[in-house]
Amino acid sequence: MTSVTTKVKRLAVAAVAVGVARLVVKRRPLVQAVDPDLRSPLLYVPTPLTSDRTVLRIRKLSDRPTKVADGVSMRTFDVPGLGAAPSVRLFVYEPDGRERPSGAMVWIHGGGFVIGSPEYAHDWCSHVAKELGILVVSVRYRLAPEHPFPAGLDDSTVALRWVHDEAEELGVDPDRIAVGGDSAGGGMAASLAQRARDEELPVAFQLLVYPMLDDRTVERAWMDGRNALVWPRESNRYAWNAYLGGRTAESVPPPYAAPARTEELTGLPPAWIGVGDIDLFHDEDVEYAERLLLAGVTCKLRVEPGMFHGADAIFAKNPTMRAFRADAIDTLAQFLD
């Protein structure tokens, strides 16, 4: 009996080893496209997000808070939601000795509209606040699939309106309020800028870090390295389906749901868009930047060679990623000065 058990264990180990070897061989060309300084064994592990069960499991991991930068205080406010919606919690980061009135930025975290939390961005938000001497307000918006569009955008709109309404009390210049976000948060920030333009709510700048802008990307035919690392097309399909409440790419989503669908871009605030050239969102981000420029909107586009989706968060101390983030912050500073 013992020999049989040992043999079964050895066969199981061998089967796992074969599976891992096949996976490495399959993904090696994708990983080789990554900047050598940004490569990690984790890139060989598929990360599809394709079910509600997976979402719940990942949410528990993404709720882990990062550290607030030294010299920055963080407070929370619960403000009334839009209409009959529940209250919205805001995280406000203020650097010591901030000169009033200062600029401000409303930050919207990433996570494909379905995961992520403001706590995970404590380090980034507090760093921007300290670096620029501004107030940063991060919003806990409602997540899909439990709360599809427009819940998250409504909550983000509440945050922007609150900063404007409380500008004097907060020590903020209402003419120097920016919006920003990464990934899905970047897409929602773009939607918020469009909505704010139409509702005559001033926005000075939009900081869009590899933004998730276009639901039609899930139907695009090309299949190469840009859709396989960290945020693959399968995850993108699930996320858009959850956010849009089951709509398909063939049906036109409501206004502001997918900002790349908006035809009229004139009158939008200046923008910075940054994305890696092997990111799934590369094509849609470049196209949106070009459309902004054609519409007369000032837009700086940064395309980082060999950068996969979210690499700046994973390799925050890498010189290339530090330069990527510094470019975003420096451009934000120019428009909030």
C-alpha atoms as a PDB file:
ATOM      1  CA  MET A   1       0.000   0.000   0.000  1.00  0.00           C
ATOM      2  CA  THR A   2       2.796   2.399   0.878  1.00  0.00           C
ATOM      3  CA  SER A   3       4.530   1.841  -2.455  1.00  0.00           C
ATOM      4  CA  VAL A   4       1.277   2.488  -4.316  1.00  0.00           C
ATOM      5  CA  THR A   5       0.707   5.736  -2.405  1.00  0.00           C
ATOM      6  CA  THR A   6       4.255   6.876  -3.094  1.00  0.00           C
ATOM      7  CA  LYS A   7       3.850   6.135  -6.786  1.00  0.00           C
ATOM      8  CA  VAL A   8       0.609   8.122  -6.940  1.00  0.00           C
ATOM      9  CA  LYS A   9       2.288  11.091  -5.261  1.00  0.00           C
ATOM     10  CA  ARG A  10       5.189  10.953  -7.691  1.00  0.00           C
ATOM     11  CA  LEU A  11       2.814  10.855 -10.646  1.00  0.00           C
ATOM     12  CA  ALA A  12       0.910  13.847  -9.265  1.00  0.00           C
ATOM     13  CA  VAL A  13       4.133  15.818  -8.797  1.00  0.00           C
ATOM     14  CA  ALA A  14       5.239  14.907 -12.301  1.00  0.00           C
ATOM     15  CA  ALA A  15       1.898  16.001 -13.752  1.00  0.00           C
ATOM     16  CA  VAL A  16       2.186  19.355 -11.988  1.00  0.00           C
ATOM     17  CA  ALA A  17       5.747  19.780 -13.213  1.00  0.00           C
ATOM     18  CA  VAL A  18       4.686  19.078 -16.787  1.00  0.00           C
ATOM     19  CA  GLY A  19       1.843  21.576 -16.497  1.00  0.00           C
ATOM     20  CA  VAL A  20       4.154  24.273 -15.145  1.00  0.00           C
ATOM     21  CA  ALA A  21       6.699  23.604 -17.895  1.00  0.00           C
ATOM     22  CA  ARG A  22       4.049  23.940 -20.586  1.00  0.00           C
ATOM     23  CA  LEU A  23       2.828  27.168 -19.040  1.00  0.00           C
ATOM     24  CA  VAL A  24       6.339  28.612 -18.946  1.00  0.00           C
ATOM     25  CA  VAL A  25       6.923  27.696 -22.580  1.00  0.00           C
ATOM     26  CA  LYS A  26       3.596  29.230 -23.616  1.00  0.00           C
ATOM     27  CA  ARG A  27       4.097  32.507 -21.751  1.00  0.00           C
ATOM     28  CA  ARG A  28       7.828  32.938 -22.300  1.00  0.00           C
ATOM     29  CA  PRO A  29       7.413  35.025 -25.509  1.00  0.00           C
ATOM     30  CA  LEU A  30       5.030  37.324 -23.638  1.00  0.00           C
ATOM     31  CA  VAL A  31       7.394  37.796 -20.712  1.00  0.00           C
ATOM     32  CA  GLN A  32      10.329  38.378 -23.047  1.00  0.00           C
ATOM     33  CA  ALA A  33       8.473  41.395 -24.455  1.00  0.00           C
ATOM     34  CA  VAL A  34       8.636  42.991 -21.000  1.00  0.00           C
ATOM     35  CA  ASP A  35      11.412  45.419 -20.077  1.00  0.00           C
ATOM     36  CA  PRO A  36      14.079  43.187 -18.452  1.00  0.00           C
ATOM     37  CA  ASP A  37      14.007  45.341 -15.317  1.00  0.00           C
ATOM     38  CA  LEU A  38      10.247  44.719 -14.987  1.00  0.00           C
ATOM     39  CA  ARG A  39      10.250  40.948 -15.339  1.00  0.00           C
ATOM     40  CA  SER A  40       9.092  38.730 -12.512  1.00  0.00           C
ATOM     41  CA  PRO A  41       8.327  35.007 -12.108  1.00  0.00           C
ATOM     42  CA  LEU A  42       4.785  36.088 -11.256  1.00  0.00           C
ATOM     43  CA  LEU A  43       4.274  37.065 -14.895  1.00  0.00           C
ATOM     44  CA  TYR A  44       4.271  33.372 -15.781  1.00  0.00           C
ATOM     45  CA  VAL A  45       1.157  32.883 -13.665  1.00  0.00           C
ATOM     46  CA  PRO A  46      -2.148  33.550 -15.495  1.00  0.00           C
ATOM     47  CA  THR A  47      -4.348  36.086 -13.707  1.00  0.00           C
ATOM     48  CA  PRO A  48      -7.804  35.802 -15.278  1.00  0.00           C
ATOM     49  CA  LEU A  49     -10.666  37.425 -13.420  1.00  0.00           C
ATOM     50  CA  THR A  50     -13.724  35.762 -14.884  1.00  0.00           C
ATOM     51  CA  SER A  51     -16.220  35.037 -12.103  1.00  0.00           C
ATOM     52  CA  ASP A  52     -17.982  36.642  -9.160  1.00  0.00           C
ATOM     53  CA  ARG A  53     -16.303  34.107  -6.866  1.00  0.00           C
ATOM     54  CA  THR A  54     -12.845  35.198  -8.024  1.00  0.00           C
ATOM     55  CA  VAL A  55     -13.811  38.819  -7.477  1.00  0.00           C
ATOM     56  CA  LEU A  56     -14.781  38.185  -3.862  1.00  0.00           C
ATOM     57  CA  ARG A  57     -11.510  36.375  -3.214  1.00  0.00           C
ATOM     58  CA  ILE A  58      -9.373  39.129  -4.757  1.00  0.00           C
ATOM     59  CA  ARG A  59     -11.246  41.860  -2.906  1.00  0.00           C
ATOM     60  CA  LYS A  60     -10.006  40.471   0.396  1.00  0.00           C
ATOM     61  CA  LEU A  61      -6.431  40.839  -0.812  1.00  0.00           C
ATOM     62  CA  SER A  62      -6.870  44.317  -2.293  1.00  0.00           C
ATOM     63  CA  ASP A  63      -8.313  45.693   0.945  1.00  0.00           C
ATOM     64  CA  ARG A  64      -4.898  45.603   2.590  1.00  0.00           C
ATOM     65  CA  PRO A  65      -3.903  49.224   3.254  1.00  0.00           C
ATOM     66  CA  THR A  66      -0.621  50.710   2.132  1.00  0.00           C
ATOM     67  CA  LYS A  67       1.271  53.235   4.235  1.00  0.00           C
ATOM     68  CA  VAL A  68       0.411  56.924   4.344  1.00  0.00           C
ATOM     69  CA  ALA A  69       3.540  58.983   3.655  1.00  0.00           C
ATOM     70  CA  ASP A  70       5.253  60.709   6.566  1.00  0.00           C
ATOM     71  CA  GLY A  71       4.260  64.338   6.868  1.00  0.00           C
ATOM     72  CA  VAL A  72       0.762  63.700   5.520  1.00  0.00           C
ATOM     73  CA  SER A  73      -2.419  63.426   7.586  1.00  0.00           C
ATOM     74  CA  MET A  74      -5.400  61.394   6.416  1.00  0.00           C
ATOM     75  CA  ARG A  75      -9.024  61.990   7.406  1.00  0.00           C
ATOM     76  CA  THR A  76     -12.263  60.364   6.289  1.00  0.00           C
ATOM     77  CA  PHE A  77     -15.591  62.002   5.545  1.00  0.00           C
ATOM     78  CA  ASP A  78     -18.958  60.404   4.840  1.00  0.00           C
ATOM     79  CA  VAL A  79     -20.961  62.624   2.518  1.00  0.00           C
ATOM     80  CA  PRO A  80     -24.527  62.145   1.206  1.00  0.00           C
ATOM     81  CA  GLY A  81     -24.820  60.077  -1.954  1.00  0.00           C
ATOM     82  CA  LEU A  82     -26.512  61.184  -5.135  1.00  0.00           C
ATOM     83  CA  GLY A  83     -30.294  61.047  -4.811  1.00  0.00           C
ATOM     84  CA  ALA A  84     -31.342  58.047  -2.739  1.00  0.00           C
ATOM     85  CA  ALA A  85     -27.906  56.393  -2.957  1.00  0.00           C
ATOM     86  CA  PRO A  86     -26.010  55.574   0.252  1.00  0.00           C
ATOM     87  CA  SER A  87     -23.392  57.917   1.659  1.00  0.00           C
ATOM     88  CA  VAL A  88     -19.968  58.021   0.045  1.00  0.00           C
ATOM     89  CA  ARG A  89     -16.791  57.713   2.090  1.00  0.00           C
ATOM     90  CA  LEU A  90     -13.949  60.019   1.097  1.00  0.00           C
ATOM     91  CA  PHE A  91     -10.315  59.775   2.173  1.00  0.00           C
ATOM     92  CA  VAL A  92      -8.652  63.192   2.376  1.00  0.00           C
ATOM     93  CA  TYR A  93      -4.849  63.491   2.371  1.00  0.00           C
ATOM     94  CA  GLU A  94      -3.295  66.767   3.500  1.00  0.00           C
ATOM     95  CA  PRO A  95       0.445  67.457   3.685  1.00  0.00           C
ATOM     96  CA  ASP A  96       1.817  69.296   6.698  1.00  0.00           C
ATOM     97  CA  GLY A  97       2.206  73.024   6.118  1.00  0.00           C
ATOM     98  CA  ARG A  98       0.012  73.118   2.995  1.00  0.00           C
ATOM     99  CA  GLU A  99      -0.414  76.668   1.725  1.00  0.00           C
ATOM    100  CA  ARG A 100      -4.053  77.658   1.343  1.00  0.00           C
ATOM    101  CA  PRO A 101      -5.724  77.880  -1.031  1.00  0.00           C
ATOM    102  CA  SER A 102      -4.025  75.033  -2.864  1.00  0.00           C
ATOM    103  CA  GLY A 103      -4.908  72.808  -5.758  1.00  0.00           C
ATOM    104  CA  ALA A 104      -6.665  69.501  -5.239  1.00  0.00           C
ATOM    105  CA  MET A 105      -7.195  66.205  -7.007  1.00  0.00           C
ATOM    106  CA  VAL A 106     -10.044  63.705  -6.791  1.00  0.00           C
ATOM    107  CA  TRP A 107      -8.482  60.247  -7.184  1.00  0.00           C
ATOM    108  CA  ILE A 108     -10.400  57.147  -8.334  1.00  0.00           C
ATOM    109  CA  HIS A 109      -8.739  53.795  -7.669  1.00  0.00           C
ATOM    110  CA  GLY A 110      -8.405  51.030 -10.233  1.00  0.00           C
ATOM    111  CA  GLY A 111      -9.591  47.439 -10.222  1.00  0.00           C
ATOM    112  CA  GLY A 112     -11.653  46.816 -13.340  1.00  0.00           C
ATOM    113  CA  PHE A 113     -14.724  48.433 -11.732  1.00  0.00           C
ATOM    114  CA  VAL A 114     -15.073  45.274  -9.604  1.00  0.00           C
ATOM    115  CA  ILE A 115     -12.151  45.177  -7.149  1.00  0.00           C
ATOM    116  CA  GLY A 116      -9.778  47.577  -5.393  1.00  0.00           C
ATOM    117  CA  SER A 117     -10.142  50.057  -2.560  1.00  0.00           C
ATOM    118  CA  PRO A 118      -8.956  53.520  -1.496  1.00  0.00           C
ATOM    119  CA  GLU A 119      -6.839  51.947   1.263  1.00  0.00           C
ATOM    120  CA  TYR A 120      -4.695  50.231  -1.351  1.00  0.00           C
ATOM    121  CA  ALA A 121      -3.791  53.686  -2.748  1.00  0.00           C
ATOM    122  CA  HIS A 122      -2.853  55.364   0.558  1.00  0.00           C
ATOM    123  CA  ASP A 123       0.812  55.476  -0.470  1.00  0.00           C
ATOM    124  CA  TRP A 124       0.180  56.967  -3.921  1.00  0.00           C
ATOM    125  CA  CYS A 125      -2.396  59.551  -2.842  1.00  0.00           C
ATOM    126  CA  SER A 126      -0.345  60.736   0.130  1.00  0.00           C
ATOM    127  CA  HIS A 127       2.798  60.887  -2.014  1.00  0.00           C
ATOM    128  CA  VAL A 128       1.096  63.131  -4.582  1.00  0.00           C
ATOM    129  CA  ALA A 129      -0.316  65.329  -1.823  1.00  0.00           C
ATOM    130  CA  LYS A 130       3.119  65.726  -0.226  1.00  0.00           C
ATOM    131  CA  GLU A 131       5.029  66.155  -3.480  1.00  0.00           C
ATOM    132  CA  LEU A 132       2.767  68.919  -4.813  1.00  0.00           C
ATOM    133  CA  GLY A 133       1.486  70.464  -1.582  1.00  0.00           C
ATOM    134  CA  ILE A 134      -2.117  69.835  -2.577  1.00  0.00           C
ATOM    135  CA  LEU A 135      -5.189  68.160  -1.123  1.00  0.00           C
ATOM    136  CA  VAL A 136      -5.968  64.707  -2.531  1.00  0.00           C
ATOM    137  CA  VAL A 137      -9.422  63.190  -2.109  1.00  0.00           C
ATOM    138  CA  SER A 138      -9.848  59.472  -2.800  1.00  0.00           C
ATOM    139  CA  VAL A 139     -13.349  58.054  -3.177  1.00  0.00           C
ATOM    140  CA  ARG A 140     -14.735  54.695  -2.071  1.00  0.00           C
ATOM    141  CA  TYR A 141     -17.147  54.127  -4.932  1.00  0.00           C
ATOM    142  CA  ARG A 142     -19.601  51.257  -5.211  1.00  0.00           C
ATOM    143  CA  LEU A 143     -18.269  48.282  -7.156  1.00  0.00           C
ATOM    144  CA  ALA A 144     -19.821  46.109  -9.852  1.00  0.00           C
ATOM    145  CA  PRO A 145     -21.328  43.597 -10.371  1.00  0.00           C
ATOM    146  CA  GLU A 146     -23.408  44.385  -7.273  1.00  0.00           C
ATOM    147  CA  HIS A 147     -23.567  48.036  -8.305  1.00  0.00           C
ATOM    148  CA  PRO A 148     -23.260  48.468 -12.087  1.00  0.00           C
ATOM    149  CA  PHE A 149     -23.015  51.784 -13.927  1.00  0.00           C
ATOM    150  CA  PRO A 150     -23.775  54.548 -13.034  1.00  0.00           C
ATOM    151  CA  ALA A 151     -23.204  53.809  -9.317  1.00  0.00           C
ATOM    152  CA  GLY A 152     -19.422  54.238  -9.326  1.00  0.00           C
ATOM    153  CA  LEU A 153     -19.529  57.352 -11.502  1.00  0.00           C
ATOM    154  CA  ASP A 154     -22.285  58.855  -9.349  1.00  0.00           C
ATOM    155  CA  ASP A 155     -20.147  58.360  -6.234  1.00  0.00           C
ATOM    156  CA  SER A 156     -17.144  59.927  -7.952  1.00  0.00           C
ATOM    157  CA  THR A 157     -19.306  62.869  -9.035  1.00  0.00           C
ATOM    158  CA  VAL A 158     -20.372  63.294  -5.403  1.00  0.00           C
ATOM    159  CA  ALA A 159     -16.687  63.514  -4.430  1.00  0.00           C
ATOM    160  CA  LEU A 160     -15.922  66.170  -7.042  1.00  0.00           C
ATOM    161  CA  ARG A 161     -18.976  68.240  -6.090  1.00  0.00           C
ATOM    162  CA  TRP A 162     -18.080  67.963  -2.405  1.00  0.00           C
ATOM    163  CA  VAL A 163     -14.600  69.381  -3.033  1.00  0.00           C
ATOM    164  CA  HIS A 164     -16.149  72.286  -4.929  1.00  0.00           C
ATOM    165  CA  ASP A 165     -18.876  72.886  -2.339  1.00  0.00           C
ATOM    166  CA  GLU A 166     -16.398  72.735   0.567  1.00  0.00           C
ATOM    167  CA  ALA A 167     -13.547  74.478  -1.250  1.00  0.00           C
ATOM    168  CA  GLU A 168     -13.379  77.429   1.135  1.00  0.00           C
ATOM    169  CA  GLU A 169     -13.474  75.225   4.239  1.00  0.00           C
ATOM    170  CA  LEU A 170     -10.920  72.821   2.740  1.00  0.00           C
ATOM    171  CA  GLY A 171      -8.616  75.618   1.641  1.00  0.00           C
ATOM    172  CA  VAL A 172      -8.865  74.672  -2.037  1.00  0.00           C
ATOM    173  CA  ASP A 173      -8.878  76.880  -5.120  1.00  0.00           C
ATOM    174  CA  PRO A 174     -11.993  75.786  -7.083  1.00  0.00           C
ATOM    175  CA  ASP A 175     -10.216  76.654 -10.338  1.00  0.00           C
ATOM    176  CA  ARG A 176      -7.422  74.174  -9.569  1.00  0.00           C
ATOM    177  CA  ILE A 177      -9.246  70.898  -9.008  1.00  0.00           C
ATOM    178  CA  ALA A 178      -8.120  67.902 -11.037  1.00  0.00           C
ATOM    179  CA  VAL A 179      -9.486  64.385 -11.432  1.00  0.00           C
ATOM    180  CA  GLY A 180      -7.383  61.281 -11.868  1.00  0.00           C
ATOM    181  CA  GLY A 181      -7.287  57.525 -11.633  1.00  0.00           C
ATOM    182  CA  ASP A 182      -5.531  54.379 -12.749  1.00  0.00           C
ATOM    183  CA  SER A 183      -6.880  51.584 -14.937  1.00  0.00           C
ATOM    184  CA  ALA A 184     -10.674  51.430 -14.421  1.00  0.00           C
ATOM    185  CA  GLY A 185     -10.306  54.446 -12.148  1.00  0.00           C
ATOM    186  CA  GLY A 186      -8.604  56.271 -15.005  1.00  0.00           C
ATOM    187  CA  GLY A 187     -11.525  55.405 -17.261  1.00  0.00           C
ATOM    188  CA  MET A 188     -13.961  56.627 -14.639  1.00  0.00           C
ATOM    189  CA  ALA A 189     -11.928  59.834 -14.243  1.00  0.00           C
ATOM    190  CA  ALA A 190     -12.252  60.391 -17.999  1.00  0.00           C
ATOM    191  CA  SER A 191     -16.006  59.825 -17.711  1.00  0.00           C
ATOM    192  CA  LEU A 192     -16.146  62.200 -14.762  1.00  0.00           C
ATOM    193  CA  ALA A 193     -14.343  64.892 -16.770  1.00  0.00           C
ATOM    194  CA  GLN A 194     -16.892  64.497 -19.572  1.00  0.00           C
ATOM    195  CA  ARG A 195     -19.835  64.638 -17.188  1.00  0.00           C
ATOM    196  CA  ALA A 196     -18.364  67.617 -15.333  1.00  0.00           C
ATOM    197  CA  ARG A 197     -17.942  69.479 -18.623  1.00  0.00           C
ATOM    198  CA  ASP A 198     -21.580  68.890 -19.540  1.00  0.00           C
ATOM    199  CA  GLU A 199     -22.801  69.858 -16.054  1.00  0.00           C
ATOM    200  CA  GLU A 200     -20.515  72.932 -15.959  1.00  0.00           C
ATOM    201  CA  LEU A 201     -18.521  71.674 -12.985  1.00  0.00           C
ATOM    202  CA  PRO A 202     -14.961  73.002 -13.391  1.00  0.00           C
ATOM    203  CA  VAL A 203     -12.118  70.508 -13.756  1.00  0.00           C
ATOM    204  CA  ALA A 204      -8.596  71.819 -14.334  1.00  0.00           C
ATOM    205  CA  PHE A 205      -6.881  68.631 -15.416  1.00  0.00           C
ATOM    206  CA  GLN A 206      -7.351  64.876 -15.878  1.00  0.00           C
ATOM    207  CA  LEU A 207      -4.586  62.444 -14.933  1.00  0.00           C
ATOM    208  CA  LEU A 208      -5.299  59.157 -16.720  1.00  0.00           C
ATOM    209  CA  VAL A 209      -2.948  56.300 -15.837  1.00  0.00           C
ATOM    210  CA  TYR A 210      -3.381  53.419 -18.352  1.00  0.00           C
ATOM    211  CA  PRO A 211      -7.126  54.174 -18.347  1.00  0.00           C
ATOM    212  CA  MET A 212      -9.818  51.601 -19.160  1.00  0.00           C
ATOM    213  CA  LEU A 213     -11.789  53.578 -21.730  1.00  0.00           C
ATOM    214  CA  ASP A 214     -13.416  51.380 -24.360  1.00  0.00           C
ATOM    215  CA  ASP A 215     -15.728  48.378 -23.909  1.00  0.00           C
ATOM    216  CA  ARG A 216     -15.202  47.500 -27.583  1.00  0.00           C
ATOM    217  CA  THR A 217     -11.645  46.337 -26.889  1.00  0.00           C
ATOM    218  CA  VAL A 218     -13.008  42.976 -25.731  1.00  0.00           C
ATOM    219  CA  GLU A 219     -14.209  42.300 -29.286  1.00  0.00           C
ATOM    220  CA  ARG A 220     -11.085  43.380 -31.149  1.00  0.00           C
ATOM    221  CA  ALA A 221      -9.649  40.540 -33.176  1.00  0.00           C
ATOM    222  CA  TRP A 222      -5.930  40.924 -32.496  1.00  0.00           C
ATOM    223  CA  MET A 223      -4.393  38.520 -30.004  1.00  0.00           C
ATOM    224  CA  ASP A 224      -0.811  39.160 -28.941  1.00  0.00           C
ATOM    225  CA  GLY A 225       1.242  39.946 -25.841  1.00  0.00           C
ATOM    226  CA  ARG A 226      -0.805  43.013 -24.997  1.00  0.00           C
ATOM    227  CA  ASN A 227      -3.734  40.893 -23.850  1.00  0.00           C
ATOM    228  CA  ALA A 228      -1.979  38.277 -21.764  1.00  0.00           C
ATOM    229  CA  LEU A 229      -0.099  39.874 -18.861  1.00  0.00           C
ATOM    230  CA  VAL A 230      -1.756  40.888 -15.571  1.00  0.00           C
ATOM    231  CA  TRP A 231      -4.992  42.141 -17.192  1.00  0.00           C
ATOM    232  CA  PRO A 232      -5.909  39.792 -20.066  1.00  0.00           C
ATOM    233  CA  ARG A 233      -8.816  40.097 -22.441  1.00  0.00           C
ATOM    234  CA  GLU A 234     -10.831  37.535 -20.449  1.00  0.00           C
ATOM    235  CA  SER A 235     -10.694  39.782 -17.377  1.00  0.00           C
ATOM    236  CA  ASN A 236     -11.565  42.794 -19.481  1.00  0.00           C
ATOM    237  CA  ARG A 237     -14.625  41.064 -20.889  1.00  0.00           C
ATOM    238  CA  TYR A 238     -15.878  40.049 -17.442  1.00  0.00           C
ATOM    239  CA  ALA A 239     -15.266  43.511 -15.982  1.00  0.00           C
ATOM    240  CA  TRP A 240     -17.077  45.415 -18.718  1.00  0.00           C
ATOM    241  CA  ASN A 241     -19.967  42.969 -18.609  1.00  0.00           C
ATOM    242  CA  ALA A 242     -20.240  43.465 -14.839  1.00  0.00           C
ATOM    243  CA  TYR A 243     -19.959  47.250 -15.062  1.00  0.00           C
ATOM    244  CA  LEU A 244     -22.449  47.629 -17.894  1.00  0.00           C
ATOM    245  CA  GLY A 245     -24.952  45.252 -16.361  1.00  0.00           C
ATOM    246  CA  GLY A 246     -24.710  42.547 -19.009  1.00  0.00           C
ATOM    247  CA  ARG A 247     -24.644  44.744 -22.115  1.00  0.00           C
ATOM    248  CA  THR A 248     -22.553  43.499 -25.019  1.00  0.00           C
ATOM    249  CA  ALA A 249     -20.099  45.441 -27.143  1.00  0.00           C
ATOM    250  CA  GLU A 250     -22.649  45.416 -29.969  1.00  0.00           C
ATOM    251  CA  SER A 251     -25.059  47.532 -27.905  1.00  0.00           C
ATOM    252  CA  VAL A 252     -24.253  51.157 -27.241  1.00  0.00           C
ATOM    253  CA  PRO A 253     -23.761  51.804 -23.511  1.00  0.00           C
ATOM    254  CA  PRO A 254     -25.313  54.835 -21.780  1.00  0.00           C
ATOM    255  CA  PRO A 255     -23.554  58.218 -21.946  1.00  0.00           C
ATOM    256  CA  TYR A 256     -20.333  58.395 -19.864  1.00  0.00           C
ATOM    257  CA  ALA A 257     -20.231  54.609 -19.281  1.00  0.00           C
ATOM    258  CA  ALA A 258     -17.416  54.063 -21.784  1.00  0.00           C
ATOM    259  CA  PRO A 259     -15.657  57.422 -22.308  1.00  0.00           C
ATOM    260  CA  ALA A 260     -14.082  56.347 -25.614  1.00  0.00           C
ATOM    261  CA  ARG A 261     -17.612  56.136 -27.041  1.00  0.00           C
ATOM    262  CA  THR A 262     -18.231  59.858 -26.493  1.00  0.00           C
ATOM    263  CA  GLU A 263     -18.091  61.594 -29.856  1.00  0.00           C
ATOM    264  CA  GLU A 264     -17.709  65.221 -28.746  1.00  0.00           C
ATOM    265  CA  LEU A 265     -14.466  65.807 -26.842  1.00  0.00           C
ATOM    266  CA  THR A 266     -14.084  69.550 -27.270  1.00  0.00           C
ATOM    267  CA  GLY A 267     -14.086  71.565 -24.076  1.00  0.00           C
ATOM    268  CA  LEU A 268     -12.563  68.817 -21.933  1.00  0.00           C
ATOM    269  CA  PRO A 269      -9.745  69.699 -19.508  1.00  0.00           C
ATOM    270  CA  PRO A 270      -6.085  69.080 -20.403  1.00  0.00           C
ATOM    271  CA  ALA A 271      -4.936  65.507 -19.904  1.00  0.00           C
ATOM    272  CA  TRP A 272      -1.942  63.269 -19.258  1.00  0.00           C
ATOM    273  CA  ILE A 273      -2.304  59.696 -20.502  1.00  0.00           C
ATOM    274  CA  GLY A 274       0.340  57.098 -19.708  1.00  0.00           C
ATOM    275  CA  VAL A 275       0.353  53.458 -20.826  1.00  0.00           C
ATOM    276  CA  GLY A 276       2.777  50.661 -21.645  1.00  0.00           C
ATOM    277  CA  ASP A 277       3.201  49.481 -25.210  1.00  0.00           C
ATOM    278  CA  ILE A 278       2.345  45.877 -24.190  1.00  0.00           C
ATOM    279  CA  ASP A 279      -0.690  46.888 -22.132  1.00  0.00           C
ATOM    280  CA  LEU A 280      -4.107  45.657 -23.262  1.00  0.00           C
ATOM    281  CA  PHE A 281      -5.294  49.275 -23.139  1.00  0.00           C
ATOM    282  CA  HIS A 282      -2.476  50.622 -25.345  1.00  0.00           C
ATOM    283  CA  ASP A 283      -4.507  51.007 -28.532  1.00  0.00           C
ATOM    284  CA  GLU A 284      -7.586  52.541 -26.932  1.00  0.00           C
ATOM    285  CA  ASP A 285      -5.473  54.949 -24.853  1.00  0.00           C
ATOM    286  CA  VAL A 286      -3.407  56.141 -27.799  1.00  0.00           C
ATOM    287  CA  GLU A 287      -6.543  56.567 -29.905  1.00  0.00           C
ATOM    288  CA  TYR A 288      -8.233  58.592 -27.149  1.00  0.00           C
ATOM    289  CA  ALA A 289      -5.181  60.828 -26.772  1.00  0.00           C
ATOM    290  CA  GLU A 290      -5.142  61.463 -30.514  1.00  0.00           C
ATOM    291  CA  ARG A 291      -8.860  62.304 -30.487  1.00  0.00           C
ATOM    292  CA  LEU A 292      -8.357  64.740 -27.626  1.00  0.00           C
ATOM    293  CA  LEU A 293      -5.634  66.514 -29.572  1.00  0.00           C
ATOM    294  CA  LEU A 294      -7.813  66.663 -32.699  1.00  0.00           C
ATOM    295  CA  ALA A 295     -10.562  68.196 -30.541  1.00  0.00           C
ATOM    296  CA  GLY A 296      -8.178  70.950 -29.447  1.00  0.00           C
ATOM    297  CA  VAL A 297      -7.598  69.522 -25.969  1.00  0.00           C
ATOM    298  CA  THR A 298      -4.070  69.720 -24.586  1.00  0.00           C
ATOM    299  CA  CYS A 299      -2.919  66.148 -24.005  1.00  0.00           C
ATOM    300  CA  LYS A 300       0.450  64.644 -23.165  1.00  0.00           C
ATOM    301  CA  LEU A 301       0.766  60.984 -24.123  1.00  0.00           C
ATOM    302  CA  ARG A 302       3.488  58.802 -22.602  1.00  0.00           C
ATOM    303  CA  VAL A 303       3.925  55.307 -24.032  1.00  0.00           C
ATOM    304  CA  GLU A 304       6.399  53.258 -21.988  1.00  0.00           C
ATOM    305  CA  PRO A 305       8.271  50.488 -23.873  1.00  0.00           C
ATOM    306  CA  GLY A 306       8.046  47.044 -22.311  1.00  0.00           C
ATOM    307  CA  MET A 307       5.619  48.113 -19.602  1.00  0.00           C
ATOM    308  CA  PHE A 308       2.763  45.766 -18.744  1.00  0.00           C
ATOM    309  CA  HIS A 309      -0.467  46.820 -17.048  1.00  0.00           C
ATOM    310  CA  GLY A 310       0.104  48.071 -13.497  1.00  0.00           C
ATOM    311  CA  ALA A 311       3.876  47.626 -13.588  1.00  0.00           C
ATOM    312  CA  ASP A 312       4.443  50.973 -11.856  1.00  0.00           C
ATOM    313  CA  ALA A 313       2.596  49.722  -8.772  1.00  0.00           C
ATOM    314  CA  ILE A 314       4.504  46.418  -8.662  1.00  0.00           C
ATOM    315  CA  PHE A 315       7.921  47.949  -9.362  1.00  0.00           C
ATOM    316  CA  ALA A 316       7.439  51.349  -7.732  1.00  0.00           C
ATOM    317  CA  LYS A 317      11.168  51.698  -6.936  1.00  0.00           C
ATOM    318  CA  ASN A 318      12.338  50.803 -10.430  1.00  0.00           C
ATOM    319  CA  PRO A 319      14.004  53.840 -12.103  1.00  0.00           C
ATOM    320  CA  THR A 320      11.888  53.527 -15.244  1.00  0.00           C
ATOM    321  CA  MET A 321       8.651  53.296 -13.283  1.00  0.00           C
ATOM    322  CA  ARG A 322       9.711  56.142 -11.002  1.00  0.00           C
ATOM    323  CA  ALA A 323      10.271  58.259 -14.121  1.00  0.00           C
ATOM    324  CA  PHE A 324       6.852  57.209 -15.450  1.00  0.00           C
ATOM    325  CA  ARG A 325       5.145  58.322 -12.234  1.00  0.00           C
ATOM    326  CA  ALA A 326       7.284  61.460 -11.960  1.00  0.00           C
ATOM    327  CA  ASP A 327       6.194  62.525 -15.446  1.00  0.00           C
ATOM    328  CA  ALA A 328       2.552  62.174 -14.401  1.00  0.00           C
ATOM    329  CA  ILE A 329       3.086  64.186 -11.210  1.00  0.00           C
ATOM    330  CA  ASP A 330       5.169  66.884 -12.920  1.00  0.00           C
ATOM    331  CA  THR A 331       2.529  67.373 -15.608  1.00  0.00           C
ATOM    332  CA  LEU A 332      -0.197  67.555 -12.966  1.00  0.00           C
ATOM    333  CA  ALA A 333       1.842  70.173 -11.124  1.00  0.00           C
ATOM    334  CA  GLN A 334       2.124  72.334 -14.253  1.00  0.00           C
ATOM    335  CA  PHE A 335      -1.647  72.569 -14.586  1.00  0.00           C
ATOM    336  CA  LEU A 336      -2.363  73.055 -10.885  1.00  0.00           C
ATOM    337  CA  ASP A 337       0.325  75.694 -10.392  1.00  0.00           C
END
